[in-house]
């Protein structure tokens, strides 16, 4: 079956990076965030393995990345999809 690969480039401002004492701490944070995104995508049963500005906490940030990833693969908002009148 065809496979879709989505690569991410995470760009942050200095004040975000200053929250972490080492690059290892930053990497661990990003890894946990994308694990959360993967967990949310798995609940959609889309078979997905796998640029939003976001100033929210961890849980909201995971939701935002998962939401924007769904748009990358063509998912519309609920009110914009083919089932909007049902």
PDB file of N, CA and C in Angstrom:
ATOM      1  N   UNK A   1       0.844  -1.190   0.000  1.00  0.00           N
ATOM      2  CA  UNK A   1       0.000   0.000   0.000  1.00  0.00           C
ATOM      3  C   UNK A   1       0.881   1.242   0.000  1.00  0.00           C
ATOM      4  N   UNK A   2       0.386   2.342  -0.574  1.00  0.00           N
ATOM      5  CA  UNK A   2       1.175   3.580  -0.589  1.00  0.00           C
ATOM      6  C   UNK A   2       1.378   4.114   0.825  1.00  0.00           C
ATOM      7  N   UNK A   3       2.483   4.759   1.017  1.00  0.00           N
ATOM      8  CA  UNK A   3       2.829   5.302   2.329  1.00  0.00           C
ATOM      9  C   UNK A   3       3.060   6.799   2.201  1.00  0.00           C
ATOM     10  N   UNK A   4       2.545   7.567   3.144  1.00  0.00           N
ATOM     11  CA  UNK A   4       2.772   9.008   3.190  1.00  0.00           C
ATOM     12  C   UNK A   4       3.761   9.285   4.310  1.00  0.00           C
ATOM     13  N   UNK A   5       4.810  10.030   4.002  1.00  0.00           N
ATOM     14  CA  UNK A   5       5.782  10.429   5.014  1.00  0.00           C
ATOM     15  C   UNK A   5       5.686  11.937   5.188  1.00  0.00           C
ATOM     16  N   UNK A   6       5.480  12.392   6.411  1.00  0.00           N
ATOM     17  CA  UNK A   6       5.411  13.818   6.704  1.00  0.00           C
ATOM     18  C   UNK A   6       6.618  14.175   7.556  1.00  0.00           C
ATOM     19  N   UNK A   7       7.467  15.054   7.034  1.00  0.00           N
ATOM     20  CA  UNK A   7       8.621  15.538   7.790  1.00  0.00           C
ATOM     21  C   UNK A   7       8.264  16.871   8.427  1.00  0.00           C
ATOM     22  N   UNK A   8       8.749  17.106   9.624  1.00  0.00           N
ATOM     23  CA  UNK A   8       8.507  18.351  10.332  1.00  0.00           C
ATOM     24  C   UNK A   8       9.810  19.105  10.531  1.00  0.00           C
ATOM     25  N   UNK A   9       9.733  20.409  10.422  1.00  0.00           N
ATOM     26  CA  UNK A   9      10.834  21.293  10.789  1.00  0.00           C
ATOM     27  C   UNK A   9      10.309  22.160  11.921  1.00  0.00           C
ATOM     28  N   UNK A  10      10.875  22.024  13.085  1.00  0.00           N
ATOM     29  CA  UNK A  10      10.439  22.803  14.246  1.00  0.00           C
ATOM     30  C   UNK A  10      11.335  24.023  14.378  1.00  0.00           C
ATOM     31  N   UNK A  11      10.742  25.188  14.286  1.00  0.00           N
ATOM     32  CA  UNK A  11      11.472  26.444  14.425  1.00  0.00           C
ATOM     33  C   UNK A  11      10.896  27.166  15.633  1.00  0.00           C
ATOM     34  N   UNK A  12      11.766  27.601  16.528  1.00  0.00           N
ATOM     35  CA  UNK A  12      11.298  28.286  17.729  1.00  0.00           C
ATOM     36  C   UNK A  12      12.061  29.587  17.923  1.00  0.00           C
ATOM     37  N   UNK A  13      11.545  30.416  18.792  1.00  0.00           N
ATOM     38  CA  UNK A  13      12.236  31.650  19.134  1.00  0.00           C
ATOM     39  C   UNK A  13      13.136  31.401  20.343  1.00  0.00           C
ATOM     40  N   UNK A  14      14.036  32.300  20.591  1.00  0.00           N
ATOM     41  CA  UNK A  14      15.029  32.145  21.650  1.00  0.00           C
ATOM     42  C   UNK A  14      14.398  31.942  23.016  1.00  0.00           C
ATOM     43  N   UNK A  15      13.354  32.696  23.341  1.00  0.00           N
ATOM     44  CA  UNK A  15      12.777  32.589  24.685  1.00  0.00           C
ATOM     45  C   UNK A  15      12.176  31.204  24.934  1.00  0.00           C
ATOM     46  N   UNK A  16      11.719  30.528  23.895  1.00  0.00           N
ATOM     47  CA  UNK A  16      11.242  29.154  24.066  1.00  0.00           C
ATOM     48  C   UNK A  16      12.412  28.234  24.408  1.00  0.00           C
ATOM     49  N   UNK A  17      13.481  28.341  23.651  1.00  0.00           N
ATOM     50  CA  UNK A  17      14.655  27.476  23.854  1.00  0.00           C
ATOM     51  C   UNK A  17      15.322  27.717  25.199  1.00  0.00           C
ATOM     52  N   UNK A  18      15.250  28.944  25.701  1.00  0.00           N
ATOM     53  CA  UNK A  18      15.883  29.262  26.979  1.00  0.00           C
ATOM     54  C   UNK A  18      15.234  28.537  28.152  1.00  0.00           C
ATOM     55  N   UNK A  19      14.034  28.006  27.957  1.00  0.00           N
ATOM     56  CA  UNK A  19      13.357  27.251  29.017  1.00  0.00           C
ATOM     57  C   UNK A  19      14.064  25.938  29.315  1.00  0.00           C
ATOM     58  N   UNK A  20      14.919  25.491  28.407  1.00  0.00           N
ATOM     59  CA  UNK A  20      15.592  24.202  28.551  1.00  0.00           C
ATOM     60  C   UNK A  20      17.065  24.426  28.850  1.00  0.00           C
ATOM     61  N   UNK A  21      17.583  23.717  29.844  1.00  0.00           N
ATOM     62  CA  UNK A  21      18.982  23.898  30.243  1.00  0.00           C
ATOM     63  C   UNK A  21      19.950  23.302  29.235  1.00  0.00           C
ATOM     64  N   UNK A  22      19.526  22.242  28.540  1.00  0.00           N
ATOM     65  CA  UNK A  22      20.406  21.584  27.570  1.00  0.00           C
ATOM     66  C   UNK A  22      19.625  21.258  26.301  1.00  0.00           C
ATOM     67  N   UNK A  23      20.355  20.992  25.228  1.00  0.00           N
ATOM     68  CA  UNK A  23      19.706  20.558  23.989  1.00  0.00           C
ATOM     69  C   UNK A  23      18.998  19.219  24.188  1.00  0.00           C
ATOM     70  N   UNK A  24      19.541  18.387  25.074  1.00  0.00           N
ATOM     71  CA  UNK A  24      18.912  17.099  25.358  1.00  0.00           C
ATOM     72  C   UNK A  24      17.519  17.301  25.954  1.00  0.00           C
ATOM     73  N   UNK A  25      17.370  18.260  26.866  1.00  0.00           N
ATOM     74  CA  UNK A  25      16.054  18.549  27.450  1.00  0.00           C
ATOM     75  C   UNK A  25      15.079  19.033  26.378  1.00  0.00           C
ATOM     76  N   UNK A  26      15.552  19.873  25.473  1.00  0.00           N
ATOM     77  CA  UNK A  26      14.705  20.358  24.376  1.00  0.00           C
ATOM     78  C   UNK A  26      14.289  19.195  23.487  1.00  0.00           C
ATOM     79  N   UNK A  27      15.220  18.337  23.129  1.00  0.00           N
ATOM     80  CA  UNK A  27      14.921  17.179  22.292  1.00  0.00           C
ATOM     81  C   UNK A  27      13.913  16.256  22.966  1.00  0.00           C
ATOM     82  N   UNK A  28      14.061  16.055  24.269  1.00  0.00           N
ATOM     83  CA  UNK A  28      13.115  15.212  24.999  1.00  0.00           C
ATOM     84  C   UNK A  28      11.713  15.817  24.978  1.00  0.00           C
ATOM     85  N   UNK A  29      11.616  17.135  25.132  1.00  0.00           N
ATOM     86  CA  UNK A  29      10.317  17.807  25.094  1.00  0.00           C
ATOM     87  C   UNK A  29       9.654  17.618  23.727  1.00  0.00           C
ATOM     88  N   UNK A  30      10.418  17.872  22.659  1.00  0.00           N
ATOM     89  CA  UNK A  30       9.881  17.736  21.300  1.00  0.00           C
ATOM     90  C   UNK A  30       9.477  16.286  21.031  1.00  0.00           C
ATOM     91  N   UNK A  31      10.282  15.338  21.486  1.00  0.00           N
ATOM     92  CA  UNK A  31       9.964  13.921  21.291  1.00  0.00           C
ATOM     93  C   UNK A  31       8.659  13.555  21.982  1.00  0.00           C
ATOM     94  N   UNK A  32       8.482  14.004  23.216  1.00  0.00           N
ATOM     95  CA  UNK A  32       7.242  13.722  23.945  1.00  0.00           C
ATOM     96  C   UNK A  32       6.057  14.388  23.252  1.00  0.00           C
ATOM     97  N   UNK A  33       6.239  15.613  22.754  1.00  0.00           N
ATOM     98  CA  UNK A  33       5.157  16.307  22.062  1.00  0.00           C
ATOM     99  C   UNK A  33       4.712  15.524  20.832  1.00  0.00           C
ATOM    100  N   UNK A  34       5.668  15.070  20.012  1.00  0.00           N
ATOM    101  CA  UNK A  34       5.288  14.351  18.804  1.00  0.00           C
ATOM    102  C   UNK A  34       4.774  12.945  19.106  1.00  0.00           C
ATOM    103  N   UNK A  35       5.160  12.366  20.225  1.00  0.00           N
ATOM    104  CA  UNK A  35       4.560  11.103  20.646  1.00  0.00           C
ATOM    105  C   UNK A  35       3.085  11.332  20.964  1.00  0.00           C
ATOM    106  N   UNK A  36       2.780  12.451  21.615  1.00  0.00           N
ATOM    107  CA  UNK A  36       1.388  12.809  21.873  1.00  0.00           C
ATOM    108  C   UNK A  36       0.610  13.024  20.592  1.00  0.00           C
ATOM    109  N   UNK A  37       1.230  13.674  19.610  1.00  0.00           N
ATOM    110  CA  UNK A  37       0.591  13.876  18.305  1.00  0.00           C
ATOM    111  C   UNK A  37       0.296  12.521  17.672  1.00  0.00           C
ATOM    112  N   UNK A  38       1.274  11.626  17.682  1.00  0.00           N
ATOM    113  CA  UNK A  38       1.070  10.292  17.110  1.00  0.00           C
ATOM    114  C   UNK A  38      -0.072   9.568  17.807  1.00  0.00           C
ATOM    115  N   UNK A  39      -0.151   9.685  19.126  1.00  0.00           N
ATOM    116  CA  UNK A  39      -1.238   9.042  19.869  1.00  0.00           C
ATOM    117  C   UNK A  39      -2.595   9.577  19.430  1.00  0.00           C
ATOM    118  N   UNK A  40      -2.700  10.893  19.220  1.00  0.00           N
ATOM    119  CA  UNK A  40      -3.965  11.465  18.748  1.00  0.00           C
ATOM    120  C   UNK A  40      -4.291  11.000  17.339  1.00  0.00           C
ATOM    121  N   UNK A  41      -3.301  10.978  16.441  1.00  0.00           N
ATOM    122  CA  UNK A  41      -3.542  10.525  15.072  1.00  0.00           C
ATOM    123  C   UNK A  41      -3.962   9.059  15.046  1.00  0.00           C
ATOM    124  N   UNK A  42      -3.391   8.254  15.925  1.00  0.00           N
ATOM    125  CA  UNK A  42      -3.760   6.840  15.983  1.00  0.00           C
ATOM    126  C   UNK A  42      -5.234   6.656  16.310  1.00  0.00           C
ATOM    127  N   UNK A  43      -5.826   7.557  17.096  1.00  0.00           N
ATOM    128  CA  UNK A  43      -7.241   7.425  17.450  1.00  0.00           C
ATOM    129  C   UNK A  43      -8.149   7.652  16.251  1.00  0.00           C
ATOM    130  N   UNK A  44      -7.630   8.270  15.181  1.00  0.00           N
ATOM    131  CA  UNK A  44      -8.430   8.517  13.983  1.00  0.00           C
ATOM    132  C   UNK A  44      -8.474   7.310  13.054  1.00  0.00           C
ATOM    133  N   UNK A  45      -7.665   6.293  13.334  1.00  0.00           N
ATOM    134  CA  UNK A  45      -7.611   5.081  12.515  1.00  0.00           C
ATOM    135  C   UNK A  45      -7.334   5.377  11.048  1.00  0.00           C
ATOM    136  N   UNK A  46      -6.453   6.335  10.780  1.00  0.00           N
ATOM    137  CA  UNK A  46      -6.080   6.681   9.413  1.00  0.00           C
ATOM    138  C   UNK A  46      -4.852   5.914   8.941  1.00  0.00           C
ATOM    139  N   UNK A  47      -4.231   5.159   9.825  1.00  0.00           N
ATOM    140  CA  UNK A  47      -3.027   4.433   9.464  1.00  0.00           C
ATOM    141  C   UNK A  47      -1.827   5.342   9.288  1.00  0.00           C
ATOM    142  N   UNK A  48      -1.836   6.489   9.945  1.00  0.00           N
ATOM    143  CA  UNK A  48      -0.747   7.453   9.813  1.00  0.00           C
ATOM    144  C   UNK A  48       0.317   7.159  10.854  1.00  0.00           C
ATOM    145  N   UNK A  49       1.541   7.044  10.413  1.00  0.00           N
ATOM    146  CA  UNK A  49       2.679   6.947  11.323  1.00  0.00           C
ATOM    147  C   UNK A  49       3.493   8.207  11.097  1.00  0.00           C
ATOM    148  N   UNK A  50       3.698   8.468  12.087  1.00  0.00           N
ATOM    149  CA  UNK A  50       4.432   9.608  11.774  1.00  0.00           C
ATOM    150  C   UNK A  50       5.250  10.402  12.757  1.00  0.00           C
ATOM    151  N   UNK A  51       3.203  24.305   9.710  1.00  0.00           N
ATOM    152  CA  UNK A  51       3.816  25.418  10.479  1.00  0.00           C
ATOM    153  C   UNK A  51       2.677  26.175  11.154  1.00  0.00           C
ATOM    154  N   UNK A  52       2.714  25.683  12.583  1.00  0.00           N
ATOM    155  CA  UNK A  52       1.699  26.403  13.327  1.00  0.00           C
ATOM    156  C   UNK A  52       2.365  27.186  14.445  1.00  0.00           C
ATOM    157  N   UNK A  53       1.967  28.444  14.601  1.00  0.00           N
ATOM    158  CA  UNK A  53       2.443  29.198  15.761  1.00  0.00           C
ATOM    159  C   UNK A  53       1.547  28.827  16.918  1.00  0.00           C
ATOM    160  N   UNK A  54       2.147  28.539  18.031  1.00  0.00           N
ATOM    161  CA  UNK A  54       1.365  28.054  19.154  1.00  0.00           C
ATOM    162  C   UNK A  54       2.010  28.501  20.455  1.00  0.00           C
ATOM    163  N   UNK A  55       1.266  29.227  21.259  1.00  0.00           N
ATOM    164  CA  UNK A  55       1.780  29.719  22.535  1.00  0.00           C
ATOM    165  C   UNK A  55       1.052  29.056  23.703  1.00  0.00           C
ATOM    166  N   UNK A  56       0.542  27.852  23.479  1.00  0.00           N
ATOM    167  CA  UNK A  56      -0.263  27.187  24.492  1.00  0.00           C
ATOM    168  C   UNK A  56       0.562  26.197  25.302  1.00  0.00           C
ATOM    169  N   UNK A  57      -0.122  25.524  26.240  1.00  0.00           N
ATOM    170  CA  UNK A  57       0.576  24.517  27.034  1.00  0.00           C
ATOM    171  C   UNK A  57       0.736  23.227  26.236  1.00  0.00           C
ATOM    172  N   UNK A  58       1.370  22.217  26.845  1.00  0.00           N
ATOM    173  CA  UNK A  58       1.714  20.981  26.139  1.00  0.00           C
ATOM    174  C   UNK A  58       0.501  20.320  25.499  1.00  0.00           C
ATOM    175  N   UNK A  59      -0.583  20.103  26.264  1.00  0.00           N
ATOM    176  CA  UNK A  59      -1.736  19.382  25.726  1.00  0.00           C
ATOM    177  C   UNK A  59      -2.361  20.112  24.555  1.00  0.00           C
ATOM    178  N   UNK A  60      -2.511  21.428  24.658  1.00  0.00           N
ATOM    179  CA  UNK A  60      -3.060  22.196  23.548  1.00  0.00           C
ATOM    180  C   UNK A  60      -2.121  22.160  22.351  1.00  0.00           C
ATOM    181  N   UNK A  61      -0.821  22.189  22.577  1.00  0.00           N
ATOM    182  CA  UNK A  61       0.154  22.161  21.485  1.00  0.00           C
ATOM    183  C   UNK A  61       0.070  20.834  20.735  1.00  0.00           C
ATOM    184  N   UNK A  62      -0.080  19.721  21.450  1.00  0.00           N
ATOM    185  CA  UNK A  62      -0.230  18.414  20.812  1.00  0.00           C
ATOM    186  C   UNK A  62      -1.466  18.417  19.921  1.00  0.00           C
ATOM    187  N   UNK A  63      -2.580  18.952  20.439  1.00  0.00           N
ATOM    188  CA  UNK A  63      -3.805  19.036  19.641  1.00  0.00           C
ATOM    189  C   UNK A  63      -3.586  19.857  18.379  1.00  0.00           C
ATOM    190  N   UNK A  64      -2.881  20.983  18.495  1.00  0.00           N
ATOM    191  CA  UNK A  64      -2.641  21.857  17.349  1.00  0.00           C
ATOM    192  C   UNK A  64      -1.809  21.158  16.284  1.00  0.00           C
ATOM    193  N   UNK A  65      -0.734  20.490  16.678  1.00  0.00           N
ATOM    194  CA  UNK A  65       0.109  19.803  15.694  1.00  0.00           C
ATOM    195  C   UNK A  65      -0.676  18.681  15.020  1.00  0.00           C
ATOM    196  N   UNK A  66      -1.442  17.912  15.788  1.00  0.00           N
ATOM    197  CA  UNK A  66      -2.255  16.843  15.198  1.00  0.00           C
ATOM    198  C   UNK A  66      -3.287  17.423  14.234  1.00  0.00           C
ATOM    199  N   UNK A  67      -3.925  18.513  14.627  1.00  0.00           N
ATOM    200  CA  UNK A  67      -4.929  19.177  13.798  1.00  0.00           C
ATOM    201  C   UNK A  67      -4.325  19.641  12.475  1.00  0.00           C
ATOM    202  N   UNK A  68      -3.191  20.325  12.548  1.00  0.00           N
ATOM    203  CA  UNK A  68      -2.549  20.831  11.334  1.00  0.00           C
ATOM    204  C   UNK A  68      -2.008  19.695  10.470  1.00  0.00           C
ATOM    205  N   UNK A  69      -1.554  18.607  11.087  1.00  0.00           N
ATOM    206  CA  UNK A  69      -1.101  17.445  10.322  1.00  0.00           C
ATOM    207  C   UNK A  69      -2.256  16.848   9.529  1.00  0.00           C
ATOM    208  N   UNK A  70      -3.424  16.782  10.137  1.00  0.00           N
ATOM    209  CA  UNK A  70      -4.591  16.269   9.417  1.00  0.00           C
ATOM    210  C   UNK A  70      -4.882  17.115   8.185  1.00  0.00           C
ATOM    211  N   UNK A  71      -4.713  18.431   8.287  1.00  0.00           N
ATOM    212  CA  UNK A  71      -4.898  19.287   7.109  1.00  0.00           C
ATOM    213  C   UNK A  71      -3.861  18.985   6.034  1.00  0.00           C
ATOM    214  N   UNK A  72      -2.625  18.671   6.441  1.00  0.00           N
ATOM    215  CA  UNK A  72      -1.583  18.342   5.468  1.00  0.00           C
ATOM    216  C   UNK A  72      -1.960  17.143   4.610  1.00  0.00           C
ATOM    217  N   UNK A  73      -2.727  16.212   5.174  1.00  0.00           N
ATOM    218  CA  UNK A  73      -3.114  15.031   4.408  1.00  0.00           C
ATOM    219  C   UNK A  73      -4.506  15.169   3.795  1.00  0.00           C
ATOM    220  N   UNK A  74      -5.061  16.387   3.830  1.00  0.00           N
ATOM    221  CA  UNK A  74      -6.303  16.661   3.120  1.00  0.00           C
ATOM    222  C   UNK A  74      -7.571  16.639   3.934  1.00  0.00           C
ATOM    223  N   UNK A  75      -7.500  16.515   5.236  1.00  0.00           N
ATOM    224  CA  UNK A  75      -8.708  16.494   6.056  1.00  0.00           C
ATOM    225  C   UNK A  75      -9.240  17.916   6.240  1.00  0.00           C
ATOM    226  N   UNK A  76     -10.529  18.133   5.928  1.00  0.00           N
ATOM    227  CA  UNK A  76     -11.119  19.459   6.140  1.00  0.00           C
ATOM    228  C   UNK A  76     -11.591  19.615   7.583  1.00  0.00           C
ATOM    229  N   UNK A  77     -12.011  20.829   7.943  1.00  0.00           N
ATOM    230  CA  UNK A  77     -12.678  21.020   9.228  1.00  0.00           C
ATOM    231  C   UNK A  77     -14.028  20.311   9.162  1.00  0.00           C
ATOM    232  N   UNK A  78     -14.596  19.965  10.308  1.00  0.00           N
ATOM    233  CA  UNK A  78     -15.867  19.237  10.335  1.00  0.00           C
ATOM    234  C   UNK A  78     -16.941  19.921   9.504  1.00  0.00           C
ATOM    235  N   UNK A  79     -17.071  21.219   9.647  1.00  0.00           N
ATOM    236  CA  UNK A  79     -18.129  21.943   8.933  1.00  0.00           C
ATOM    237  C   UNK A  79     -17.835  22.116   7.445  1.00  0.00           C
ATOM    238  N   UNK A  80     -16.655  21.725   6.986  1.00  0.00           N
ATOM    239  CA  UNK A  80     -16.286  21.873   5.577  1.00  0.00           C
ATOM    240  C   UNK A  80     -16.281  20.547   4.829  1.00  0.00           C
ATOM    241  N   UNK A  81     -16.495  19.437   5.513  1.00  0.00           N
ATOM    242  CA  UNK A  81     -16.389  18.118   4.897  1.00  0.00           C
ATOM    243  C   UNK A  81     -17.635  17.728   4.121  1.00  0.00           C
ATOM    244  N   UNK A  82     -17.588  16.558   3.473  1.00  0.00           N
ATOM    245  CA  UNK A  82     -18.707  16.100   2.650  1.00  0.00           C
ATOM    246  C   UNK A  82     -19.942  15.728   3.465  1.00  0.00           C
ATOM    247  N   UNK A  83     -19.819  15.543   4.773  1.00  0.00           N
ATOM    248  CA  UNK A  83     -20.949  15.139   5.612  1.00  0.00           C
ATOM    249  C   UNK A  83     -21.521  16.299   6.415  1.00  0.00           C
ATOM    250  N   UNK A  84     -21.285  17.519   5.981  1.00  0.00           N
ATOM    251  CA  UNK A  84     -21.695  18.673   6.784  1.00  0.00           C
ATOM    252  C   UNK A  84     -23.204  18.797   6.942  1.00  0.00           C
ATOM    253  N   UNK A  85     -23.995  18.227   6.033  1.00  0.00           N
ATOM    254  CA  UNK A  85     -25.450  18.359   6.115  1.00  0.00           C
ATOM    255  C   UNK A  85     -26.118  17.167   6.792  1.00  0.00           C
ATOM    256  N   UNK A  86     -25.321  16.238   7.336  1.00  0.00           N
ATOM    257  CA  UNK A  86     -25.938  15.057   7.945  1.00  0.00           C
ATOM    258  C   UNK A  86     -26.054  15.220   9.434  1.00  0.00           C
TER     259      UNK A  86
END
